[in-house]
């Protein structure tokens, strides 16, 4: 289900941006990680990828709409959830957001 959702999201973003937004390898790796460990890894991947992308834009190393690899961030998210578990990361999010 996650693979279909991510591929659909990628297709929709590509039609809006007129360029690829998410590679199919990214979607497959994210679906695999999500099936294995849950969605916590994708949360970490999205946050870390957004931070690096934002820093790249602010520093001038990334141009507007310039692609960069998302797969390393997905792998990092999967690895971190595998090491500490989704419950630990959930507790960290709750503490950070004040829930």
PDB file of N, CA and C in Angstrom:
ATOM      1  N   UNK A   1       0.815  -1.193   0.000  1.00  0.00           N
ATOM      2  CA  UNK A   1       0.000   0.000   0.000  1.00  0.00           C
ATOM      3  C   UNK A   1       0.866   1.267   0.000  1.00  0.00           C
ATOM      4  N   UNK A   2       1.918   1.271   0.820  1.00  0.00           N
ATOM      5  CA  UNK A   2       2.788   2.445   0.895  1.00  0.00           C
ATOM      6  C   UNK A   2       3.473   2.708  -0.442  1.00  0.00           C
ATOM      7  N   UNK A   3       3.868   1.639  -1.142  1.00  0.00           N
ATOM      8  CA  UNK A   3       4.531   1.811  -2.435  1.00  0.00           C
ATOM      9  C   UNK A   3       3.596   2.484  -3.427  1.00  0.00           C
ATOM     10  N   UNK A   4       2.353   2.054  -3.472  1.00  0.00           N
ATOM     11  CA  UNK A   4       1.370   2.657  -4.380  1.00  0.00           C
ATOM     12  C   UNK A   4       1.148   4.120  -4.007  1.00  0.00           C
ATOM     13  N   UNK A   5       1.049   4.404  -2.715  1.00  0.00           N
ATOM     14  CA  UNK A   5       0.862   5.780  -2.252  1.00  0.00           C
ATOM     15  C   UNK A   5       2.044   6.665  -2.646  1.00  0.00           C
ATOM     16  N   UNK A   6       3.270   6.187  -2.411  1.00  0.00           N
ATOM     17  CA  UNK A   6       4.454   6.982  -2.737  1.00  0.00           C
ATOM     18  C   UNK A   6       4.632   7.163  -4.240  1.00  0.00           C
ATOM     19  N   UNK A   7       4.346   6.120  -5.024  1.00  0.00           N
ATOM     20  CA  UNK A   7       4.442   6.267  -6.469  1.00  0.00           C
ATOM     21  C   UNK A   7       3.374   7.220  -6.996  1.00  0.00           C
ATOM     22  N   UNK A   8       2.183   7.175  -6.398  1.00  0.00           N
ATOM     23  CA  UNK A   8       1.137   8.120  -6.780  1.00  0.00           C
ATOM     24  C   UNK A   8       1.506   9.550  -6.419  1.00  0.00           C
ATOM     25  N   UNK A   9       2.075   9.722  -5.225  1.00  0.00           N
ATOM     26  CA  UNK A   9       2.535  11.044  -4.798  1.00  0.00           C
ATOM     27  C   UNK A   9       3.629  11.551  -5.722  1.00  0.00           C
ATOM     28  N   UNK A  10       4.535  10.668  -6.107  1.00  0.00           N
ATOM     29  CA  UNK A  10       5.611  11.051  -7.021  1.00  0.00           C
ATOM     30  C   UNK A  10       5.051  11.481  -8.378  1.00  0.00           C
ATOM     31  N   UNK A  11       4.088  10.734  -8.899  1.00  0.00           N
ATOM     32  CA  UNK A  11       3.479  11.084 -10.178  1.00  0.00           C
ATOM     33  C   UNK A  11       2.728  12.403 -10.125  1.00  0.00           C
ATOM     34  N   UNK A  12       2.017  12.640  -9.019  1.00  0.00           N
ATOM     35  CA  UNK A  12       1.281  13.891  -8.859  1.00  0.00           C
ATOM     36  C   UNK A  12       2.252  15.074  -8.753  1.00  0.00           C
ATOM     37  N   UNK A  13       3.319  14.906  -7.971  1.00  0.00           N
ATOM     38  CA  UNK A  13       4.303  15.982  -7.839  1.00  0.00           C
ATOM     39  C   UNK A  13       5.001  16.244  -9.164  1.00  0.00           C
ATOM     40  N   UNK A  14       5.269  15.174  -9.928  1.00  0.00           N
ATOM     41  CA  UNK A  14       5.921  15.354 -11.222  1.00  0.00           C
ATOM     42  C   UNK A  14       5.022  16.118 -12.185  1.00  0.00           C
ATOM     43  N   UNK A  15       3.725  15.853 -12.147  1.00  0.00           N
ATOM     44  CA  UNK A  15       2.830  16.588 -13.044  1.00  0.00           C
ATOM     45  C   UNK A  15       2.697  18.058 -12.631  1.00  0.00           C
ATOM     46  N   UNK A  16       2.798  18.346 -11.342  1.00  0.00           N
ATOM     47  CA  UNK A  16       2.723  19.732 -10.881  1.00  0.00           C
ATOM     48  C   UNK A  16       4.026  20.491 -11.104  1.00  0.00           C
ATOM     49  N   UNK A  17       5.165  19.838 -10.866  1.00  0.00           N
ATOM     50  CA  UNK A  17       6.464  20.497 -10.964  1.00  0.00           C
ATOM     51  C   UNK A  17       7.110  20.366 -12.333  1.00  0.00           C
ATOM     52  N   UNK A  18       6.585  19.492 -13.174  1.00  0.00           N
ATOM     53  CA  UNK A  18       7.099  19.205 -14.514  1.00  0.00           C
ATOM     54  C   UNK A  18       8.542  18.692 -14.440  1.00  0.00           C
ATOM     55  N   UNK A  19       8.838  17.962 -13.397  1.00  0.00           N
ATOM     56  CA  UNK A  19      10.128  17.290 -13.252  1.00  0.00           C
ATOM     57  C   UNK A  19       9.954  16.215 -12.186  1.00  0.00           C
ATOM     58  N   UNK A  20      10.780  15.181 -12.219  1.00  0.00           N
ATOM     59  CA  UNK A  20      10.637  14.120 -11.211  1.00  0.00           C
ATOM     60  C   UNK A  20      10.840  14.665  -9.797  1.00  0.00           C
ATOM     61  N   UNK A  21       9.978  14.241  -8.878  1.00  0.00           N
ATOM     62  CA  UNK A  21      10.064  14.715  -7.503  1.00  0.00           C
ATOM     63  C   UNK A  21      10.568  13.628  -6.563  1.00  0.00           C
ATOM     64  N   UNK A  22      10.344  12.380  -6.892  1.00  0.00           N
ATOM     65  CA  UNK A  22      10.759  11.261  -6.052  1.00  0.00           C
ATOM     66  C   UNK A  22      11.028  10.087  -6.968  1.00  0.00           C
ATOM     67  N   UNK A  23      12.216   9.535  -6.879  1.00  0.00           N
ATOM     68  CA  UNK A  23      12.549   8.394  -7.719  1.00  0.00           C
ATOM     69  C   UNK A  23      11.812   7.142  -7.267  1.00  0.00           C
ATOM     70  N   UNK A  24      11.609   6.221  -8.191  1.00  0.00           N
ATOM     71  CA  UNK A  24      10.899   4.997  -7.835  1.00  0.00           C
ATOM     72  C   UNK A  24      11.729   4.119  -6.912  1.00  0.00           C
ATOM     73  N   UNK A  25      13.039   4.236  -6.959  1.00  0.00           N
ATOM     74  CA  UNK A  25      13.880   3.520  -5.997  1.00  0.00           C
ATOM     75  C   UNK A  25      13.657   4.052  -4.594  1.00  0.00           C
ATOM     76  N   UNK A  26      13.484   5.369  -4.471  1.00  0.00           N
ATOM     77  CA  UNK A  26      13.168   5.976  -3.176  1.00  0.00           C
ATOM     78  C   UNK A  26      11.849   5.432  -2.643  1.00  0.00           C
ATOM     79  N   UNK A  27      10.845   5.366  -3.507  1.00  0.00           N
ATOM     80  CA  UNK A  27       9.530   4.878  -3.092  1.00  0.00           C
ATOM     81  C   UNK A  27       9.611   3.417  -2.651  1.00  0.00           C
ATOM     82  N   UNK A  28      10.365   2.623  -3.367  1.00  0.00           N
ATOM     83  CA  UNK A  28      10.486   1.203  -3.011  1.00  0.00           C
ATOM     84  C   UNK A  28      11.228   1.020  -1.691  1.00  0.00           C
ATOM     85  N   UNK A  29      12.300   1.771  -1.475  1.00  0.00           N
ATOM     86  CA  UNK A  29      13.040   1.669  -0.222  1.00  0.00           C
ATOM     87  C   UNK A  29      12.194   2.159   0.952  1.00  0.00           C
ATOM     88  N   UNK A  30      11.458   3.247   0.769  1.00  0.00           N
ATOM     89  CA  UNK A  30      10.599   3.766   1.828  1.00  0.00           C
ATOM     90  C   UNK A  30       9.485   2.777   2.157  1.00  0.00           C
ATOM     91  N   UNK A  31       8.910   2.158   1.152  1.00  0.00           N
ATOM     92  CA  UNK A  31       7.864   1.163   1.390  1.00  0.00           C
ATOM     93  C   UNK A  31       8.425  -0.050   2.128  1.00  0.00           C
ATOM     94  N   UNK A  32       9.609  -0.480   1.761  1.00  0.00           N
ATOM     95  CA  UNK A  32      10.246  -1.607   2.440  1.00  0.00           C
ATOM     96  C   UNK A  32      10.513  -1.271   3.901  1.00  0.00           C
ATOM     97  N   UNK A  33      11.093  -0.104   4.157  1.00  0.00           N
ATOM     98  CA  UNK A  33      11.372   0.315   5.525  1.00  0.00           C
ATOM     99  C   UNK A  33      10.109   0.495   6.339  1.00  0.00           C
ATOM    100  N   UNK A  34       9.075   1.046   5.719  1.00  0.00           N
ATOM    101  CA  UNK A  34       7.806   1.226   6.410  1.00  0.00           C
ATOM    102  C   UNK A  34       7.137  -0.097   6.746  1.00  0.00           C
ATOM    103  N   UNK A  35       7.227  -1.054   5.826  1.00  0.00           N
ATOM    104  CA  UNK A  35       6.648  -2.375   6.096  1.00  0.00           C
ATOM    105  C   UNK A  35       7.405  -3.087   7.203  1.00  0.00           C
ATOM    106  N   UNK A  36       8.692  -2.859   7.282  1.00  0.00           N
ATOM    107  CA  UNK A  36       9.528  -3.544   8.266  1.00  0.00           C
ATOM    108  C   UNK A  36       9.440  -2.888   9.641  1.00  0.00           C
ATOM    109  N   UNK A  37       9.529  -1.554   9.699  1.00  0.00           N
ATOM    110  CA  UNK A  37       9.661  -0.857  10.975  1.00  0.00           C
ATOM    111  C   UNK A  37       8.566   0.162  11.272  1.00  0.00           C
ATOM    112  N   UNK A  38       7.686   0.424  10.343  1.00  0.00           N
ATOM    113  CA  UNK A  38       6.649   1.423  10.564  1.00  0.00           C
ATOM    114  C   UNK A  38       7.038   2.775   9.980  1.00  0.00           C
ATOM    115  N   UNK A  39       6.209   3.755  10.233  1.00  0.00           N
ATOM    116  CA  UNK A  39       6.365   5.070   9.605  1.00  0.00           C
ATOM    117  C   UNK A  39       7.394   5.967  10.274  1.00  0.00           C
ATOM    118  N   UNK A  40       7.893   5.595  11.438  1.00  0.00           N
ATOM    119  CA  UNK A  40       8.834   6.462  12.163  1.00  0.00           C
ATOM    120  C   UNK A  40      10.095   6.738  11.347  1.00  0.00           C
ATOM    121  N   UNK A  41      10.561   5.775  10.588  1.00  0.00           N
ATOM    122  CA  UNK A  41      11.749   5.969   9.752  1.00  0.00           C
ATOM    123  C   UNK A  41      11.531   7.010   8.675  1.00  0.00           C
ATOM    124  N   UNK A  42      10.314   7.046   8.109  1.00  0.00           N
ATOM    125  CA  UNK A  42      10.023   8.057   7.098  1.00  0.00           C
ATOM    126  C   UNK A  42       9.936   9.443   7.712  1.00  0.00           C
ATOM    127  N   UNK A  43       9.457   9.528   8.943  1.00  0.00           N
ATOM    128  CA  UNK A  43       9.442  10.824   9.631  1.00  0.00           C
ATOM    129  C   UNK A  43      10.860  11.365   9.771  1.00  0.00           C
ATOM    130  N   UNK A  44      11.770  10.506  10.193  1.00  0.00           N
ATOM    131  CA  UNK A  44      13.175  10.916  10.350  1.00  0.00           C
ATOM    132  C   UNK A  44      13.805  11.245   9.007  1.00  0.00           C
ATOM    133  N   UNK A  45      13.486  10.450   7.988  1.00  0.00           N
ATOM    134  CA  UNK A  45      14.034  10.694   6.654  1.00  0.00           C
ATOM    135  C   UNK A  45      13.561  12.035   6.111  1.00  0.00           C
ATOM    136  N   UNK A  46      12.281  12.312   6.273  1.00  0.00           N
ATOM    137  CA  UNK A  46      11.728  13.569   5.778  1.00  0.00           C
ATOM    138  C   UNK A  46      12.328  14.762   6.509  1.00  0.00           C
ATOM    139  N   UNK A  47      12.418  14.655   7.823  1.00  0.00           N
ATOM    140  CA  UNK A  47      12.983  15.750   8.612  1.00  0.00           C
ATOM    141  C   UNK A  47      14.449  15.991   8.258  1.00  0.00           C
ATOM    142  N   UNK A  48      15.243  14.937   8.206  1.00  0.00           N
ATOM    143  CA  UNK A  48      16.671  15.114   7.899  1.00  0.00           C
ATOM    144  C   UNK A  48      16.880  15.589   6.468  1.00  0.00           C
ATOM    145  N   UNK A  49      16.106  15.063   5.517  1.00  0.00           N
ATOM    146  CA  UNK A  49      16.215  15.517   4.132  1.00  0.00           C
ATOM    147  C   UNK A  49      15.811  16.968   3.960  1.00  0.00           C
ATOM    148  N   UNK A  50      14.753  17.377   4.671  1.00  0.00           N
ATOM    149  CA  UNK A  50      14.309  18.775   4.612  1.00  0.00           C
ATOM    150  C   UNK A  50      15.351  19.701   5.220  1.00  0.00           C
ATOM    151  N   UNK A  51      15.972  19.263   6.317  1.00  0.00           N
ATOM    152  CA  UNK A  51      17.000  20.097   6.945  1.00  0.00           C
ATOM    153  C   UNK A  51      18.200  20.267   6.026  1.00  0.00           C
ATOM    154  N   UNK A  52      18.685  19.182   5.447  1.00  0.00           N
ATOM    155  CA  UNK A  52      19.836  19.263   4.549  1.00  0.00           C
ATOM    156  C   UNK A  52      19.488  20.063   3.292  1.00  0.00           C
ATOM    157  N   UNK A  53      18.301  19.843   2.745  1.00  0.00           N
ATOM    158  CA  UNK A  53      17.875  20.613   1.568  1.00  0.00           C
ATOM    159  C   UNK A  53      17.763  22.096   1.863  1.00  0.00           C
ATOM    160  N   UNK A  54      17.208  22.429   3.026  1.00  0.00           N
ATOM    161  CA  UNK A  54      17.089  23.842   3.416  1.00  0.00           C
ATOM    162  C   UNK A  54      18.452  24.480   3.610  1.00  0.00           C
ATOM    163  N   UNK A  55      19.350  23.756   4.273  1.00  0.00           N
ATOM    164  CA  UNK A  55      20.709  24.278   4.454  1.00  0.00           C
ATOM    165  C   UNK A  55      21.418  24.444   3.113  1.00  0.00           C
ATOM    166  N   UNK A  56      21.181  23.512   2.198  1.00  0.00           N
ATOM    167  CA  UNK A  56      21.766  23.623   0.864  1.00  0.00           C
ATOM    168  C   UNK A  56      21.259  24.834   0.108  1.00  0.00           C
ATOM    169  N   UNK A  57      19.963  25.121   0.247  1.00  0.00           N
ATOM    170  CA  UNK A  57      19.389  26.299  -0.421  1.00  0.00           C
ATOM    171  C   UNK A  57      19.909  27.591   0.200  1.00  0.00           C
ATOM    172  N   UNK A  58      19.955  27.643   1.539  1.00  0.00           N
ATOM    173  CA  UNK A  58      20.405  28.858   2.226  1.00  0.00           C
ATOM    174  C   UNK A  58      21.873  29.131   1.925  1.00  0.00           C
ATOM    175  N   UNK A  59      22.679  28.069   1.867  1.00  0.00           N
ATOM    176  CA  UNK A  59      24.109  28.239   1.625  1.00  0.00           C
ATOM    177  C   UNK A  59      24.435  28.457   0.143  1.00  0.00           C
ATOM    178  N   UNK A  60      23.463  28.252  -0.736  1.00  0.00           N
ATOM    179  CA  UNK A  60      23.694  28.437  -2.161  1.00  0.00           C
ATOM    180  C   UNK A  60      24.241  27.211  -2.868  1.00  0.00           C
ATOM    181  N   UNK A  61      24.354  26.106  -2.167  1.00  0.00           N
ATOM    182  CA  UNK A  61      24.871  24.881  -2.798  1.00  0.00           C
ATOM    183  C   UNK A  61      23.813  24.158  -3.620  1.00  0.00           C
ATOM    184  N   UNK A  62      22.546  24.393  -3.315  1.00  0.00           N
ATOM    185  CA  UNK A  62      21.441  23.828  -4.091  1.00  0.00           C
ATOM    186  C   UNK A  62      20.677  24.967  -4.752  1.00  0.00           C
ATOM    187  N   UNK A  63      20.422  24.802  -6.036  1.00  0.00           N
ATOM    188  CA  UNK A  63      19.633  25.789  -6.767  1.00  0.00           C
ATOM    189  C   UNK A  63      18.152  25.439  -6.635  1.00  0.00           C
ATOM    190  N   UNK A  64      17.296  26.358  -6.985  1.00  0.00           N
ATOM    191  CA  UNK A  64      15.865  26.127  -6.958  1.00  0.00           C
ATOM    192  C   UNK A  64      15.528  24.923  -7.831  1.00  0.00           C
ATOM    193  N   UNK A  65      14.798  23.976  -7.279  1.00  0.00           N
ATOM    194  CA  UNK A  65      14.372  22.738  -7.949  1.00  0.00           C
ATOM    195  C   UNK A  65      15.517  21.822  -8.337  1.00  0.00           C
ATOM    196  N   UNK A  66      16.685  22.012  -7.779  1.00  0.00           N
ATOM    197  CA  UNK A  66      17.797  21.099  -8.051  1.00  0.00           C
ATOM    198  C   UNK A  66      17.582  19.811  -7.261  1.00  0.00           C
ATOM    199  N   UNK A  67      17.712  18.699  -7.933  1.00  0.00           N
ATOM    200  CA  UNK A  67      17.494  17.397  -7.293  1.00  0.00           C
ATOM    201  C   UNK A  67      18.693  17.023  -6.424  1.00  0.00           C
ATOM    202  N   UNK A  68      18.412  16.313  -5.346  1.00  0.00           N
ATOM    203  CA  UNK A  68      19.459  15.688  -4.552  1.00  0.00           C
ATOM    204  C   UNK A  68      18.920  14.358  -4.045  1.00  0.00           C
ATOM    205  N   UNK A  69      19.819  13.454  -3.756  1.00  0.00           N
ATOM    206  CA  UNK A  69      19.431  12.087  -3.405  1.00  0.00           C
ATOM    207  C   UNK A  69      18.683  12.044  -2.077  1.00  0.00           C
ATOM    208  N   UNK A  70      17.540  11.363  -2.062  1.00  0.00           N
ATOM    209  CA  UNK A  70      16.747  11.189  -0.850  1.00  0.00           C
ATOM    210  C   UNK A  70      16.974   9.819  -0.224  1.00  0.00           C
ATOM    211  N   UNK A  71      17.476   8.881  -1.014  1.00  0.00           N
ATOM    212  CA  UNK A  71      17.694   7.510  -0.534  1.00  0.00           C
ATOM    213  C   UNK A  71      18.594   7.443   0.705  1.00  0.00           C
ATOM    214  N   UNK A  72      19.679   8.205   0.797  1.00  0.00           N
ATOM    215  CA  UNK A  72      20.490   8.147   2.016  1.00  0.00           C
ATOM    216  C   UNK A  72      19.717   8.561   3.264  1.00  0.00           C
ATOM    217  N   UNK A  73      18.784   9.481   3.135  1.00  0.00           N
ATOM    218  CA  UNK A  73      17.984   9.913   4.273  1.00  0.00           C
ATOM    219  C   UNK A  73      16.980   8.835   4.678  1.00  0.00           C
ATOM    220  N   UNK A  74      16.430   8.143   3.686  1.00  0.00           N
ATOM    221  CA  UNK A  74      15.532   7.024   3.981  1.00  0.00           C
ATOM    222  C   UNK A  74      16.311   5.923   4.705  1.00  0.00           C
ATOM    223  N   UNK A  75      17.506   5.617   4.192  1.00  0.00           N
ATOM    224  CA  UNK A  75      18.336   4.592   4.834  1.00  0.00           C
ATOM    225  C   UNK A  75      18.712   5.001   6.259  1.00  0.00           C
ATOM    226  N   UNK A  76      19.017   6.272   6.465  1.00  0.00           N
ATOM    227  CA  UNK A  76      19.336   6.764   7.809  1.00  0.00           C
ATOM    228  C   UNK A  76      18.134   6.609   8.742  1.00  0.00           C
ATOM    229  N   UNK A  77      16.953   6.978   8.280  1.00  0.00           N
ATOM    230  CA  UNK A  77      15.748   6.837   9.086  1.00  0.00           C
ATOM    231  C   UNK A  77      15.472   5.392   9.453  1.00  0.00           C
ATOM    232  N   UNK A  78      15.614   4.482   8.487  1.00  0.00           N
ATOM    233  CA  UNK A  78      15.413   3.057   8.745  1.00  0.00           C
ATOM    234  C   UNK A  78      16.420   2.570   9.774  1.00  0.00           C
ATOM    235  N   UNK A  79      17.666   2.957   9.608  1.00  0.00           N
ATOM    236  CA  UNK A  79      18.732   2.497  10.500  1.00  0.00           C
ATOM    237  C   UNK A  79      18.511   3.004  11.930  1.00  0.00           C
ATOM    238  N   UNK A  80      18.143   4.280  12.077  1.00  0.00           N
ATOM    239  CA  UNK A  80      17.936   4.844  13.412  1.00  0.00           C
ATOM    240  C   UNK A  80      16.747   4.199  14.125  1.00  0.00           C
ATOM    241  N   UNK A  81      15.681   3.923  13.396  1.00  0.00           N
ATOM    242  CA  UNK A  81      14.531   3.256  14.015  1.00  0.00           C
ATOM    243  C   UNK A  81      14.885   1.812  14.344  1.00  0.00           C
ATOM    244  N   UNK A  82      15.665   1.169  13.513  1.00  0.00           N
ATOM    245  CA  UNK A  82      16.094  -0.199  13.794  1.00  0.00           C
ATOM    246  C   UNK A  82      16.961  -0.242  15.052  1.00  0.00           C
ATOM    247  N   UNK A  83      17.827   0.768  15.233  1.00  0.00           N
ATOM    248  CA  UNK A  83      18.704   0.793  16.408  1.00  0.00           C
ATOM    249  C   UNK A  83      17.936   1.050  17.707  1.00  0.00           C
ATOM    250  N   UNK A  84      17.081   2.064  17.734  1.00  0.00           N
ATOM    251  CA  UNK A  84      16.444   2.491  18.979  1.00  0.00           C
ATOM    252  C   UNK A  84      14.971   2.128  19.087  1.00  0.00           C
ATOM    253  N   UNK A  85      14.342   1.789  17.987  1.00  0.00           N
ATOM    254  CA  UNK A  85      12.930   1.413  18.022  1.00  0.00           C
ATOM    255  C   UNK A  85      12.000   2.600  17.819  1.00  0.00           C
ATOM    256  N   UNK A  86      10.845   2.308  17.275  1.00  0.00           N
ATOM    257  CA  UNK A  86       9.873   3.358  16.967  1.00  0.00           C
ATOM    258  C   UNK A  86       9.322   4.007  18.236  1.00  0.00           C
ATOM    259  N   UNK A  87       9.171   3.234  19.312  1.00  0.00           N
ATOM    260  CA  UNK A  87       8.637   3.802  20.555  1.00  0.00           C
ATOM    261  C   UNK A  87       9.562   4.876  21.122  1.00  0.00           C
ATOM    262  N   UNK A  88      10.861   4.636  21.075  1.00  0.00           N
ATOM    263  CA  UNK A  88      11.825   5.614  21.589  1.00  0.00           C
ATOM    264  C   UNK A  88      11.736   6.905  20.787  1.00  0.00           C
ATOM    265  N   UNK A  89      11.665   6.781  19.462  1.00  0.00           N
ATOM    266  CA  UNK A  89      11.570   7.977  18.617  1.00  0.00           C
ATOM    267  C   UNK A  89      10.253   8.694  18.836  1.00  0.00           C
ATOM    268  N   UNK A  90       9.184   7.943  19.065  1.00  0.00           N
ATOM    269  CA  UNK A  90       7.890   8.558  19.347  1.00  0.00           C
ATOM    270  C   UNK A  90       7.957   9.381  20.638  1.00  0.00           C
ATOM    271  N   UNK A  91       8.603   8.846  21.647  1.00  0.00           N
ATOM    272  CA  UNK A  91       8.774   9.587  22.899  1.00  0.00           C
ATOM    273  C   UNK A  91       9.572  10.865  22.673  1.00  0.00           C
ATOM    274  N   UNK A  92      10.606  10.807  21.835  1.00  0.00           N
ATOM    275  CA  UNK A  92      11.419  11.986  21.553  1.00  0.00           C
ATOM    276  C   UNK A  92      10.597  13.057  20.850  1.00  0.00           C
ATOM    277  N   UNK A  93       9.747  12.661  19.877  1.00  0.00           N
ATOM    278  CA  UNK A  93       8.887  13.609  19.187  1.00  0.00           C
ATOM    279  C   UNK A  93       7.916  14.252  20.153  1.00  0.00           C
ATOM    280  N   UNK A  94       7.343  13.457  21.045  1.00  0.00           N
ATOM    281  CA  UNK A  94       6.382  13.997  22.006  1.00  0.00           C
ATOM    282  C   UNK A  94       7.042  14.992  22.948  1.00  0.00           C
ATOM    283  N   UNK A  95       8.243  14.677  23.400  1.00  0.00           N
ATOM    284  CA  UNK A  95       8.966  15.618  24.265  1.00  0.00           C
ATOM    285  C   UNK A  95       9.318  16.897  23.521  1.00  0.00           C
ATOM    286  N   UNK A  96       9.750  16.762  22.276  1.00  0.00           N
ATOM    287  CA  UNK A  96      10.136  17.920  21.483  1.00  0.00           C
ATOM    288  C   UNK A  96       8.931  18.829  21.219  1.00  0.00           C
ATOM    289  N   UNK A  97       7.794  18.233  20.918  1.00  0.00           N
ATOM    290  CA  UNK A  97       6.595  19.011  20.581  1.00  0.00           C
ATOM    291  C   UNK A  97       5.759  19.371  21.794  1.00  0.00           C
ATOM    292  N   UNK A  98       6.116  18.836  22.969  1.00  0.00           N
ATOM    293  CA  UNK A  98       5.420  19.197  24.189  1.00  0.00           C
ATOM    294  C   UNK A  98       4.089  18.509  24.415  1.00  0.00           C
ATOM    295  N   UNK A  99       3.923  17.316  23.875  1.00  0.00           N
ATOM    296  CA  UNK A  99       2.660  16.568  24.079  1.00  0.00           C
ATOM    297  C   UNK A  99       2.661  15.907  25.430  1.00  0.00           C
TER     298      UNK A  99
END
